[in-house]
């Protein structure tokens, strides 16, 4: 659990939101980032998101179907760990069913 989620830049979620707005189908993605101190709350923790990785998925009118197990998880985790900041999966994001 975190007290705050911070995106390094708004452009990080633009692709996810653009696809959702264009198709009307729900989208899902894993948040790739790191944990840091959140100074506005005593002993606070924030997730700083550096990227969103969307697994294979099929949007439907009333939800979505995602690939389980996530076949790219090991590869994405390895690539994220190469980063100087030590990135990893810190959460998930999904769009609403209606635009």
PDB file of N, CA and C in Angstrom:
ATOM      1  N   UNK A   1       0.831  -1.178   0.000  1.00  0.00           N
ATOM      2  CA  UNK A   1       0.000   0.000   0.000  1.00  0.00           C
ATOM      3  C   UNK A   1       0.877   1.242   0.000  1.00  0.00           C
ATOM      4  N   UNK A   2       0.404   2.249  -0.700  1.00  0.00           N
ATOM      5  CA  UNK A   2       1.124   3.516  -0.735  1.00  0.00           C
ATOM      6  C   UNK A   2       0.166   4.635  -0.356  1.00  0.00           C
ATOM      7  N   UNK A   3       0.740   5.759   0.038  1.00  0.00           N
ATOM      8  CA  UNK A   3      -0.054   6.925   0.401  1.00  0.00           C
ATOM      9  C   UNK A   3      -0.299   7.847  -0.789  1.00  0.00           C
ATOM     10  N   UNK A   4       0.498   7.683  -1.843  1.00  0.00           N
ATOM     11  CA  UNK A   4       0.425   8.599  -2.980  1.00  0.00           C
ATOM     12  C   UNK A   4       1.000   7.910  -4.213  1.00  0.00           C
ATOM     13  N   UNK A   5       0.407   8.160  -5.375  1.00  0.00           N
ATOM     14  CA  UNK A   5       0.952   7.682  -6.651  1.00  0.00           C
ATOM     15  C   UNK A   5       1.311   8.905  -7.472  1.00  0.00           C
ATOM     16  N   UNK A   6       2.523   8.910  -7.975  1.00  0.00           N
ATOM     17  CA  UNK A   6       3.030  10.050  -8.735  1.00  0.00           C
ATOM     18  C   UNK A   6       3.545   9.547 -10.077  1.00  0.00           C
ATOM     19  N   UNK A   7       3.093  10.151 -11.162  1.00  0.00           N
ATOM     20  CA  UNK A   7       3.588   9.806 -12.494  1.00  0.00           C
ATOM     21  C   UNK A   7       4.729  10.751 -12.832  1.00  0.00           C
ATOM     22  N   UNK A   8       5.842  10.200 -13.303  1.00  0.00           N
ATOM     23  CA  UNK A   8       7.015  11.004 -13.622  1.00  0.00           C
ATOM     24  C   UNK A   8       6.669  12.077 -14.661  1.00  0.00           C
ATOM     25  N   UNK A   9       5.763  11.753 -15.575  1.00  0.00           N
ATOM     26  CA  UNK A   9       5.283  12.701 -16.576  1.00  0.00           C
ATOM     27  C   UNK A   9       3.884  12.267 -17.016  1.00  0.00           C
ATOM     28  N   UNK A  10       2.997  13.205 -17.327  1.00  0.00           N
ATOM     29  CA  UNK A  10       1.649  12.831 -17.769  1.00  0.00           C
ATOM     30  C   UNK A  10       1.643  12.002 -19.056  1.00  0.00           C
ATOM     31  N   UNK A  11       2.671  12.127 -19.875  1.00  0.00           N
ATOM     32  CA  UNK A  11       2.736  11.383 -21.131  1.00  0.00           C
ATOM     33  C   UNK A  11       2.771   9.871 -20.912  1.00  0.00           C
ATOM     34  N   UNK A  12       3.129   9.439 -19.713  1.00  0.00           N
ATOM     35  CA  UNK A  12       3.238   8.007 -19.421  1.00  0.00           C
ATOM     36  C   UNK A  12       1.913   7.282 -19.636  1.00  0.00           C
ATOM     37  N   UNK A  13       0.809   7.915 -19.263  1.00  0.00           N
ATOM     38  CA  UNK A  13      -0.483   7.239 -19.389  1.00  0.00           C
ATOM     39  C   UNK A  13      -1.261   7.669 -20.635  1.00  0.00           C
ATOM     40  N   UNK A  14      -0.682   8.546 -21.447  1.00  0.00           N
ATOM     41  CA  UNK A  14      -1.381   9.020 -22.645  1.00  0.00           C
ATOM     42  C   UNK A  14      -1.772   7.900 -23.596  1.00  0.00           C
ATOM     43  N   UNK A  15      -0.876   6.934 -23.847  1.00  0.00           N
ATOM     44  CA  UNK A  15      -1.201   5.840 -24.773  1.00  0.00           C
ATOM     45  C   UNK A  15      -2.371   5.013 -24.266  1.00  0.00           C
ATOM     46  N   UNK A  16      -2.375   4.718 -22.988  1.00  0.00           N
ATOM     47  CA  UNK A  16      -3.465   3.955 -22.385  1.00  0.00           C
ATOM     48  C   UNK A  16      -4.793   4.700 -22.537  1.00  0.00           C
ATOM     49  N   UNK A  17      -4.784   5.977 -22.192  1.00  0.00           N
ATOM     50  CA  UNK A  17      -6.014   6.768 -22.259  1.00  0.00           C
ATOM     51  C   UNK A  17      -6.455   7.035 -23.700  1.00  0.00           C
ATOM     52  N   UNK A  18      -5.504   7.248 -24.601  1.00  0.00           N
ATOM     53  CA  UNK A  18      -5.853   7.491 -25.997  1.00  0.00           C
ATOM     54  C   UNK A  18      -6.528   6.266 -26.606  1.00  0.00           C
ATOM     55  N   UNK A  19      -5.993   5.075 -26.339  1.00  0.00           N
ATOM     56  CA  UNK A  19      -6.607   3.848 -26.857  1.00  0.00           C
ATOM     57  C   UNK A  19      -8.011   3.670 -26.290  1.00  0.00           C
ATOM     58  N   UNK A  20      -8.183   3.956 -25.022  1.00  0.00           N
ATOM     59  CA  UNK A  20      -9.494   3.837 -24.375  1.00  0.00           C
ATOM     60  C   UNK A  20     -10.495   4.814 -24.984  1.00  0.00           C
ATOM     61  N   UNK A  21     -10.079   6.053 -25.172  1.00  0.00           N
ATOM     62  CA  UNK A  21     -10.981   7.061 -25.744  1.00  0.00           C
ATOM     63  C   UNK A  21     -11.335   6.744 -27.189  1.00  0.00           C
ATOM     64  N   UNK A  22     -10.362   6.228 -27.943  1.00  0.00           N
ATOM     65  CA  UNK A  22     -10.579   5.934 -29.358  1.00  0.00           C
ATOM     66  C   UNK A  22     -11.503   4.732 -29.563  1.00  0.00           C
ATOM     67  N   UNK A  23     -11.339   3.687 -28.757  1.00  0.00           N
ATOM     68  CA  UNK A  23     -12.089   2.453 -28.971  1.00  0.00           C
ATOM     69  C   UNK A  23     -13.288   2.291 -28.041  1.00  0.00           C
ATOM     70  N   UNK A  24     -13.242   2.925 -26.871  1.00  0.00           N
ATOM     71  CA  UNK A  24     -14.299   2.731 -25.886  1.00  0.00           C
ATOM     72  C   UNK A  24     -14.143   1.431 -25.111  1.00  0.00           C
ATOM     73  N   UNK A  25     -13.093   0.652 -25.424  1.00  0.00           N
ATOM     74  CA  UNK A  25     -12.829  -0.600 -24.715  1.00  0.00           C
ATOM     75  C   UNK A  25     -11.939  -0.335 -23.508  1.00  0.00           C
ATOM     76  N   UNK A  26     -12.228  -1.025 -22.441  1.00  0.00           N
ATOM     77  CA  UNK A  26     -11.443  -0.877 -21.231  1.00  0.00           C
ATOM     78  C   UNK A  26      -9.994  -1.308 -21.475  1.00  0.00           C
ATOM     79  N   UNK A  27      -9.027  -0.656 -20.814  1.00  0.00           N
ATOM     80  CA  UNK A  27      -7.602  -0.970 -20.938  1.00  0.00           C
ATOM     81  C   UNK A  27      -7.020  -1.239 -19.558  1.00  0.00           C
ATOM     82  N   UNK A  28      -5.962  -2.054 -19.522  1.00  0.00           N
ATOM     83  CA  UNK A  28      -5.303  -2.421 -18.278  1.00  0.00           C
ATOM     84  C   UNK A  28      -3.788  -2.337 -18.468  1.00  0.00           C
ATOM     85  N   UNK A  29      -3.084  -1.897 -17.441  1.00  0.00           N
ATOM     86  CA  UNK A  29      -1.631  -1.847 -17.521  1.00  0.00           C
ATOM     87  C   UNK A  29      -0.990  -1.989 -16.155  1.00  0.00           C
ATOM     88  N   UNK A  30       0.234  -2.509 -16.157  1.00  0.00           N
ATOM     89  CA  UNK A  30       1.034  -2.599 -14.931  1.00  0.00           C
ATOM     90  C   UNK A  30       1.854  -1.324 -14.793  1.00  0.00           C
ATOM     91  N   UNK A  31       1.908  -0.780 -13.601  1.00  0.00           N
ATOM     92  CA  UNK A  31       2.690   0.416 -13.331  1.00  0.00           C
ATOM     93  C   UNK A  31       4.116  -0.005 -12.985  1.00  0.00           C
ATOM     94  N   UNK A  32       5.064   0.497 -13.748  1.00  0.00           N
ATOM     95  CA  UNK A  32       6.473   0.190 -13.532  1.00  0.00           C
ATOM     96  C   UNK A  32       7.116   1.433 -12.908  1.00  0.00           C
ATOM     97  N   UNK A  33       7.721   1.249 -11.746  1.00  0.00           N
ATOM     98  CA  UNK A  33       8.317   2.394 -11.072  1.00  0.00           C
ATOM     99  C   UNK A  33       9.092   1.986  -9.844  1.00  0.00           C
ATOM    100  N   UNK A  34       9.107   2.872  -8.879  1.00  0.00           N
ATOM    101  CA  UNK A  34       9.871   2.656  -7.652  1.00  0.00           C
ATOM    102  C   UNK A  34       9.129   3.281  -6.481  1.00  0.00           C
ATOM    103  N   UNK A  35       9.510   2.875  -5.294  1.00  0.00           N
ATOM    104  CA  UNK A  35       8.937   3.447  -4.083  1.00  0.00           C
ATOM    105  C   UNK A  35       9.889   4.496  -3.533  1.00  0.00           C
ATOM    106  N   UNK A  36       9.304   5.531  -2.916  1.00  0.00           N
ATOM    107  CA  UNK A  36      10.092   6.617  -2.349  1.00  0.00           C
ATOM    108  C   UNK A  36       9.367   7.151  -1.118  1.00  0.00           C
ATOM    109  N   UNK A  37      10.033   8.002  -0.357  1.00  0.00           N
ATOM    110  CA  UNK A  37       9.400   8.628   0.806  1.00  0.00           C
ATOM    111  C   UNK A  37       8.366   9.647   0.333  1.00  0.00           C
ATOM    112  N   UNK A  38       7.263   9.727   1.052  1.00  0.00           N
ATOM    113  CA  UNK A  38       6.240  10.739   0.785  1.00  0.00           C
ATOM    114  C   UNK A  38       6.203  11.644   2.006  1.00  0.00           C
ATOM    115  N   UNK A  39       6.774  12.823   1.851  1.00  0.00           N
ATOM    116  CA  UNK A  39       7.005  13.733   2.972  1.00  0.00           C
ATOM    117  C   UNK A  39       5.739  14.342   3.564  1.00  0.00           C
ATOM    118  N   UNK A  40       4.609  14.313   2.863  1.00  0.00           N
ATOM    119  CA  UNK A  40       3.394  14.973   3.343  1.00  0.00           C
ATOM    120  C   UNK A  40       2.630  14.148   4.369  1.00  0.00           C
ATOM    121  N   UNK A  41       3.062  12.908   4.598  1.00  0.00           N
ATOM    122  CA  UNK A  41       2.407  12.012   5.547  1.00  0.00           C
ATOM    123  C   UNK A  41       3.498  11.408   6.426  1.00  0.00           C
ATOM    124  N   UNK A  42       3.291  11.376   7.755  1.00  0.00           N
ATOM    125  CA  UNK A  42       4.299  10.727   8.595  1.00  0.00           C
ATOM    126  C   UNK A  42       4.527   9.279   8.157  1.00  0.00           C
ATOM    127  N   UNK A  43       5.775   8.915   7.961  1.00  0.00           N
ATOM    128  CA  UNK A  43       6.164   7.583   7.494  1.00  0.00           C
ATOM    129  C   UNK A  43       5.513   7.244   6.151  1.00  0.00           C
ATOM    130  N   UNK A  44       5.246   8.262   5.337  1.00  0.00           N
ATOM    131  CA  UNK A  44       4.558   8.074   4.062  1.00  0.00           C
ATOM    132  C   UNK A  44       5.414   7.412   2.998  1.00  0.00           C
ATOM    133  N   UNK A  45       4.727   6.686   2.120  1.00  0.00           N
ATOM    134  CA  UNK A  45       5.366   6.007   0.990  1.00  0.00           C
ATOM    135  C   UNK A  45       4.609   6.387  -0.274  1.00  0.00           C
ATOM    136  N   UNK A  46       5.368   6.697  -1.332  1.00  0.00           N
ATOM    137  CA  UNK A  46       4.733   6.970  -2.618  1.00  0.00           C
ATOM    138  C   UNK A  46       5.326   6.060  -3.674  1.00  0.00           C
ATOM    139  N   UNK A  47       4.535   5.794  -4.690  1.00  0.00           N
ATOM    140  CA  UNK A  47       5.005   5.056  -5.859  1.00  0.00           C
ATOM    141  C   UNK A  47       5.245   6.082  -6.958  1.00  0.00           C
ATOM    142  N   UNK A  48       6.439   6.113  -7.487  1.00  0.00           N
ATOM    143  CA  UNK A  48       6.775   7.002  -8.597  1.00  0.00           C
ATOM    144  C   UNK A  48       6.780   6.145  -9.861  1.00  0.00           C
ATOM    145  N   UNK A  49       5.810   6.387 -10.743  1.00  0.00           N
ATOM    146  CA  UNK A  49       5.615   5.577 -11.941  1.00  0.00           C
ATOM    147  C   UNK A  49       6.424   6.157 -13.092  1.00  0.00           C
ATOM    148  N   UNK A  50       7.252   5.303 -13.686  1.00  0.00           N
ATOM    149  CA  UNK A  50       8.101   5.706 -14.809  1.00  0.00           C
ATOM    150  C   UNK A  50       7.595   5.173 -16.144  1.00  0.00           C
ATOM    151  N   UNK A  51       6.742   4.132 -16.115  1.00  0.00           N
ATOM    152  CA  UNK A  51       6.237   3.526 -17.353  1.00  0.00           C
ATOM    153  C   UNK A  51       4.980   2.713 -17.046  1.00  0.00           C
ATOM    154  N   UNK A  52       4.183   2.467 -18.076  1.00  0.00           N
ATOM    155  CA  UNK A  52       3.032   1.567 -17.989  1.00  0.00           C
ATOM    156  C   UNK A  52       3.240   0.479 -19.031  1.00  0.00           C
ATOM    157  N   UNK A  53       3.159  -0.779 -18.597  1.00  0.00           N
ATOM    158  CA  UNK A  53       3.289  -1.912 -19.517  1.00  0.00           C
ATOM    159  C   UNK A  53       1.930  -2.585 -19.645  1.00  0.00           C
ATOM    160  N   UNK A  54       1.418  -2.649 -20.872  1.00  0.00           N
ATOM    161  CA  UNK A  54       0.128  -3.298 -21.109  1.00  0.00           C
ATOM    162  C   UNK A  54       0.360  -4.733 -21.592  1.00  0.00           C
ATOM    163  N   UNK A  55      -0.110  -5.716 -20.831  1.00  0.00           N
ATOM    164  CA  UNK A  55       0.005  -7.102 -21.295  1.00  0.00           C
ATOM    165  C   UNK A  55      -0.967  -7.340 -22.459  1.00  0.00           C
ATOM    166  N   UNK A  56      -0.837  -8.487 -23.105  1.00  0.00           N
ATOM    167  CA  UNK A  56      -1.783  -8.826 -24.170  1.00  0.00           C
ATOM    168  C   UNK A  56      -3.184  -8.831 -23.576  1.00  0.00           C
ATOM    169  N   UNK A  57      -4.114  -8.178 -24.276  1.00  0.00           N
ATOM    170  CA  UNK A  57      -5.475  -8.065 -23.763  1.00  0.00           C
ATOM    171  C   UNK A  57      -6.467  -7.877 -24.888  1.00  0.00           C
ATOM    172  N   UNK A  58      -7.692  -8.258 -24.603  1.00  0.00           N
ATOM    173  CA  UNK A  58      -8.800  -8.093 -25.544  1.00  0.00           C
ATOM    174  C   UNK A  58      -9.867  -7.267 -24.850  1.00  0.00           C
ATOM    175  N   UNK A  59     -10.115  -6.069 -25.387  1.00  0.00           N
ATOM    176  CA  UNK A  59     -11.162  -5.230 -24.846  1.00  0.00           C
ATOM    177  C   UNK A  59     -12.532  -5.725 -25.262  1.00  0.00           C
ATOM    178  N   UNK A  60     -13.472  -5.660 -24.351  1.00  0.00           N
ATOM    179  CA  UNK A  60     -14.841  -6.080 -24.622  1.00  0.00           C
ATOM    180  C   UNK A  60     -15.780  -4.974 -24.170  1.00  0.00           C
ATOM    181  N   UNK A  61     -17.033  -5.041 -24.552  1.00  0.00           N
ATOM    182  CA  UNK A  61     -17.973  -3.995 -24.180  1.00  0.00           C
ATOM    183  C   UNK A  61     -18.200  -3.906 -22.680  1.00  0.00           C
ATOM    184  N   UNK A  62     -18.129  -5.040 -21.982  1.00  0.00           N
ATOM    185  CA  UNK A  62     -18.417  -5.040 -20.552  1.00  0.00           C
ATOM    186  C   UNK A  62     -17.202  -5.413 -19.703  1.00  0.00           C
ATOM    187  N   UNK A  63     -15.995  -5.250 -20.232  1.00  0.00           N
ATOM    188  CA  UNK A  63     -14.794  -5.564 -19.473  1.00  0.00           C
ATOM    189  C   UNK A  63     -13.626  -5.848 -20.399  1.00  0.00           C
ATOM    190  N   UNK A  64     -12.698  -6.673 -19.947  1.00  0.00           N
ATOM    191  CA  UNK A  64     -11.580  -7.051 -20.771  1.00  0.00           C
ATOM    192  C   UNK A  64     -11.028  -8.390 -20.320  1.00  0.00           C
ATOM    193  N   UNK A  65     -10.314  -9.032 -21.207  1.00  0.00           N
ATOM    194  CA  UNK A  65      -9.656 -10.296 -20.916  1.00  0.00           C
ATOM    195  C   UNK A  65      -8.165 -10.063 -21.079  1.00  0.00           C
ATOM    196  N   UNK A  66      -7.384 -10.365 -20.024  1.00  0.00           N
ATOM    197  CA  UNK A  66      -5.938 -10.194 -20.106  1.00  0.00           C
ATOM    198  C   UNK A  66      -5.253 -11.551 -20.052  1.00  0.00           C
ATOM    199  N   UNK A  67      -4.053 -11.578 -20.569  1.00  0.00           N
ATOM    200  CA  UNK A  67      -3.258 -12.798 -20.594  1.00  0.00           C
ATOM    201  C   UNK A  67      -2.816 -13.154 -19.167  1.00  0.00           C
ATOM    202  N   UNK A  68      -3.182 -14.354 -18.735  1.00  0.00           N
ATOM    203  CA  UNK A  68      -2.782 -14.855 -17.421  1.00  0.00           C
ATOM    204  C   UNK A  68      -2.300 -16.277 -17.591  1.00  0.00           C
ATOM    205  N   UNK A  69      -1.110 -16.643 -17.179  1.00  0.00           N
ATOM    206  CA  UNK A  69      -0.136 -15.760 -16.547  1.00  0.00           C
ATOM    207  C   UNK A  69       0.459 -14.789 -17.559  1.00  0.00           C
ATOM    208  N   UNK A  70       1.029 -13.727 -17.058  1.00  0.00           N
ATOM    209  CA  UNK A  70       1.605 -12.659 -17.854  1.00  0.00           C
ATOM    210  C   UNK A  70       2.940 -13.137 -18.415  1.00  0.00           C
ATOM    211  N   UNK A  71       2.989 -13.448 -19.706  1.00  0.00           N
ATOM    212  CA  UNK A  71       4.173 -14.081 -20.307  1.00  0.00           C
ATOM    213  C   UNK A  71       5.397 -13.166 -20.333  1.00  0.00           C
ATOM    214  N   UNK A  72       5.223 -11.855 -20.395  1.00  0.00           N
ATOM    215  CA  UNK A  72       6.348 -10.912 -20.454  1.00  0.00           C
ATOM    216  C   UNK A  72       6.832 -10.469 -19.077  1.00  0.00           C
ATOM    217  N   UNK A  73       6.227 -10.970 -18.018  1.00  0.00           N
ATOM    218  CA  UNK A  73       6.539 -10.472 -16.673  1.00  0.00           C
ATOM    219  C   UNK A  73       8.027 -10.587 -16.336  1.00  0.00           C
ATOM    220  N   UNK A  74       8.621 -11.737 -16.578  1.00  0.00           N
ATOM    221  CA  UNK A  74      10.035 -11.934 -16.245  1.00  0.00           C
ATOM    222  C   UNK A  74      10.915 -10.985 -17.055  1.00  0.00           C
ATOM    223  N   UNK A  75      10.634 -10.865 -18.358  1.00  0.00           N
ATOM    224  CA  UNK A  75      11.436  -9.991 -19.231  1.00  0.00           C
ATOM    225  C   UNK A  75      11.299  -8.531 -18.831  1.00  0.00           C
ATOM    226  N   UNK A  76      10.082  -8.076 -18.564  1.00  0.00           N
ATOM    227  CA  UNK A  76       9.858  -6.688 -18.164  1.00  0.00           C
ATOM    228  C   UNK A  76      10.526  -6.409 -16.816  1.00  0.00           C
ATOM    229  N   UNK A  77      10.414  -7.351 -15.878  1.00  0.00           N
ATOM    230  CA  UNK A  77      11.062  -7.195 -14.582  1.00  0.00           C
ATOM    231  C   UNK A  77      12.573  -7.100 -14.694  1.00  0.00           C
ATOM    232  N   UNK A  78      13.149  -7.918 -15.582  1.00  0.00           N
ATOM    233  CA  UNK A  78      14.598  -7.886 -15.777  1.00  0.00           C
ATOM    234  C   UNK A  78      15.041  -6.551 -16.373  1.00  0.00           C
ATOM    235  N   UNK A  79      14.338  -6.090 -17.396  1.00  0.00           N
ATOM    236  CA  UNK A  79      14.682  -4.815 -18.034  1.00  0.00           C
ATOM    237  C   UNK A  79      14.534  -3.667 -17.033  1.00  0.00           C
ATOM    238  N   UNK A  80      13.462  -3.677 -16.248  1.00  0.00           N
ATOM    239  CA  UNK A  80      13.245  -2.632 -15.251  1.00  0.00           C
ATOM    240  C   UNK A  80      14.366  -2.619 -14.212  1.00  0.00           C
ATOM    241  N   UNK A  81      14.848  -3.792 -13.838  1.00  0.00           N
ATOM    242  CA  UNK A  81      15.903  -3.863 -12.828  1.00  0.00           C
ATOM    243  C   UNK A  81      17.230  -3.304 -13.337  1.00  0.00           C
ATOM    244  N   UNK A  82      17.423  -3.245 -14.655  1.00  0.00           N
ATOM    245  CA  UNK A  82      18.644  -2.670 -15.218  1.00  0.00           C
ATOM    246  C   UNK A  82      18.712  -1.168 -14.987  1.00  0.00           C
ATOM    247  N   UNK A  83      17.569  -0.537 -14.791  1.00  0.00           N
ATOM    248  CA  UNK A  83      17.528   0.915 -14.624  1.00  0.00           C
ATOM    249  C   UNK A  83      18.271   1.324 -13.358  1.00  0.00           C
ATOM    250  N   UNK A  84      18.895   2.458 -13.443  1.00  0.00           N
ATOM    251  CA  UNK A  84      19.660   2.998 -12.323  1.00  0.00           C
ATOM    252  C   UNK A  84      18.811   3.151 -11.065  1.00  0.00           C
ATOM    253  N   UNK A  85      17.533   3.421 -11.238  1.00  0.00           N
ATOM    254  CA  UNK A  85      16.632   3.651 -10.107  1.00  0.00           C
ATOM    255  C   UNK A  85      16.079   2.359  -9.514  1.00  0.00           C
ATOM    256  N   UNK A  86      16.362   1.210 -10.124  1.00  0.00           N
ATOM    257  CA  UNK A  86      15.856  -0.055  -9.606  1.00  0.00           C
ATOM    258  C   UNK A  86      14.343  -0.165  -9.700  1.00  0.00           C
ATOM    259  N   UNK A  87      13.818  -0.139 -10.897  1.00  0.00           N
ATOM    260  CA  UNK A  87      12.377  -0.146 -11.111  1.00  0.00           C
ATOM    261  C   UNK A  87      11.794  -1.546 -10.997  1.00  0.00           C
ATOM    262  N   UNK A  88      10.498  -1.603 -10.746  1.00  0.00           N
ATOM    263  CA  UNK A  88       9.761  -2.852 -10.682  1.00  0.00           C
ATOM    264  C   UNK A  88       8.271  -2.559 -10.780  1.00  0.00           C
ATOM    265  N   UNK A  89       7.451  -3.576 -10.716  1.00  0.00           N
ATOM    266  CA  UNK A  89       5.998  -3.385 -10.762  1.00  0.00           C
ATOM    267  C   UNK A  89       5.545  -2.844  -9.404  1.00  0.00           C
ATOM    268  N   UNK A  90       4.887  -1.676  -9.426  1.00  0.00           N
ATOM    269  CA  UNK A  90       4.421  -1.043  -8.184  1.00  0.00           C
ATOM    270  C   UNK A  90       2.898  -0.976  -8.099  1.00  0.00           C
ATOM    271  N   UNK A  91       2.219  -1.441  -9.135  1.00  0.00           N
ATOM    272  CA  UNK A  91       0.763  -1.403  -9.106  1.00  0.00           C
ATOM    273  C   UNK A  91       0.161  -1.684 -10.466  1.00  0.00           C
ATOM    274  N   UNK A  92      -1.099  -1.331 -10.599  1.00  0.00           N
ATOM    275  CA  UNK A  92      -1.804  -1.525 -11.860  1.00  0.00           C
ATOM    276  C   UNK A  92      -2.746  -0.351 -12.081  1.00  0.00           C
ATOM    277  N   UNK A  93      -3.142  -0.177 -13.317  1.00  0.00           N
ATOM    278  CA  UNK A  93      -4.070   0.888 -13.677  1.00  0.00           C
ATOM    279  C   UNK A  93      -5.044   0.324 -14.704  1.00  0.00           C
ATOM    280  N   UNK A  94      -6.271   0.759 -14.625  1.00  0.00           N
ATOM    281  CA  UNK A  94      -7.248   0.347 -15.635  1.00  0.00           C
ATOM    282  C   UNK A  94      -8.231   1.482 -15.833  1.00  0.00           C
ATOM    283  N   UNK A  95      -8.764   1.536 -17.045  1.00  0.00           N
ATOM    284  CA  UNK A  95      -9.711   2.578 -17.391  1.00  0.00           C
ATOM    285  C   UNK A  95     -11.118   2.159 -16.977  1.00  0.00           C
ATOM    286  N   UNK A  96     -12.014   3.106 -17.018  1.00  0.00           N
ATOM    287  CA  UNK A  96     -13.407   2.858 -16.716  1.00  0.00           C
ATOM    288  C   UNK A  96     -14.079   2.182 -17.911  1.00  0.00           C
ATOM    289  N   UNK A  97     -15.246   1.640 -17.683  1.00  0.00           N
ATOM    290  CA  UNK A  97     -15.968   0.998 -18.780  1.00  0.00           C
ATOM    291  C   UNK A  97     -16.594   1.990 -19.738  1.00  0.00           C
ATOM    292  N   UNK A  98     -16.863   3.214 -19.261  1.00  0.00           N
ATOM    293  CA  UNK A  98     -17.472   4.214 -20.127  1.00  0.00           C
ATOM    294  C   UNK A  98     -16.571   5.429 -20.224  1.00  0.00           C
ATOM    295  N   UNK A  99     -16.395   5.983 -21.424  1.00  0.00           N
ATOM    296  CA  UNK A  99     -15.525   7.152 -21.599  1.00  0.00           C
ATOM    297  C   UNK A  99     -16.035   8.377 -20.851  1.00  0.00           C
TER     298      UNK A  99
END
